[in-house]
């Protein structure tokens, strides 16, 4: 579904991605783990057109998408739930979700998308008229993921969905990610909580200073001594 080959991205003098190769197959959860500054968010931003690709290729369902406009990326079927949630605090839950479906004009399909999101996140349905800025951190994370789902993406990009959440909420968010995947949405997940990410992913990549250091089945990486030492606290 998604294929990245030899991807290079720089921010001025900082060479953030140094020729990475990465693949996500339809139906998978693939996780990208690594320390702060390794280039994880840059990878997602390159996929969605928010970071300029210097060289290399990104293809989605056989179509080359490097450096095309972000709104076109959404229309092709890729949606991004960003690090830090980035909800619109003065807008209601319902209005935030509607912005996620800005590229869709069919009222029936938008209504179905609302129903799907509210079924996944009943708490959002309870707070549909509440402004996003008054929600808890966990509720804002649900809203950010729900907003990304409103475009009915084929591929969902999740950037640090557990950041700043209490442990009980982290477990709930990861259960919901699995549910979204089981409903047919392919997921590329960036996550600091490597234990949780590897526990739900099919495959994983370890990114270190802009290069892929290790790749393989998530269960295998969870047992790899290098990964355990660097990211799993053992």
Foldseek 3Di string as FASTA:
>chain_A
DKWWFQWWFADVVATQAGTETDDFDFLFEEEEEEDPSLNPLVVVCQLQLNTATPDTFMDDPRHTDGNDHNVVSLVVFEFEQEPPLPFDQAAFLQVSLVVLQVVDDDPVLLVVLVVVLCVLPVVCVVRRRPGLNPDDPLVSLSSSQSSRCSSVGQEYEYEASCPPHDPVSVVSVLVSVLVVSVVGHTYYYYHLQLVSSLVRGQWYFYGGSNYTDDIDGSVVLVVDPVCCVPRVVD
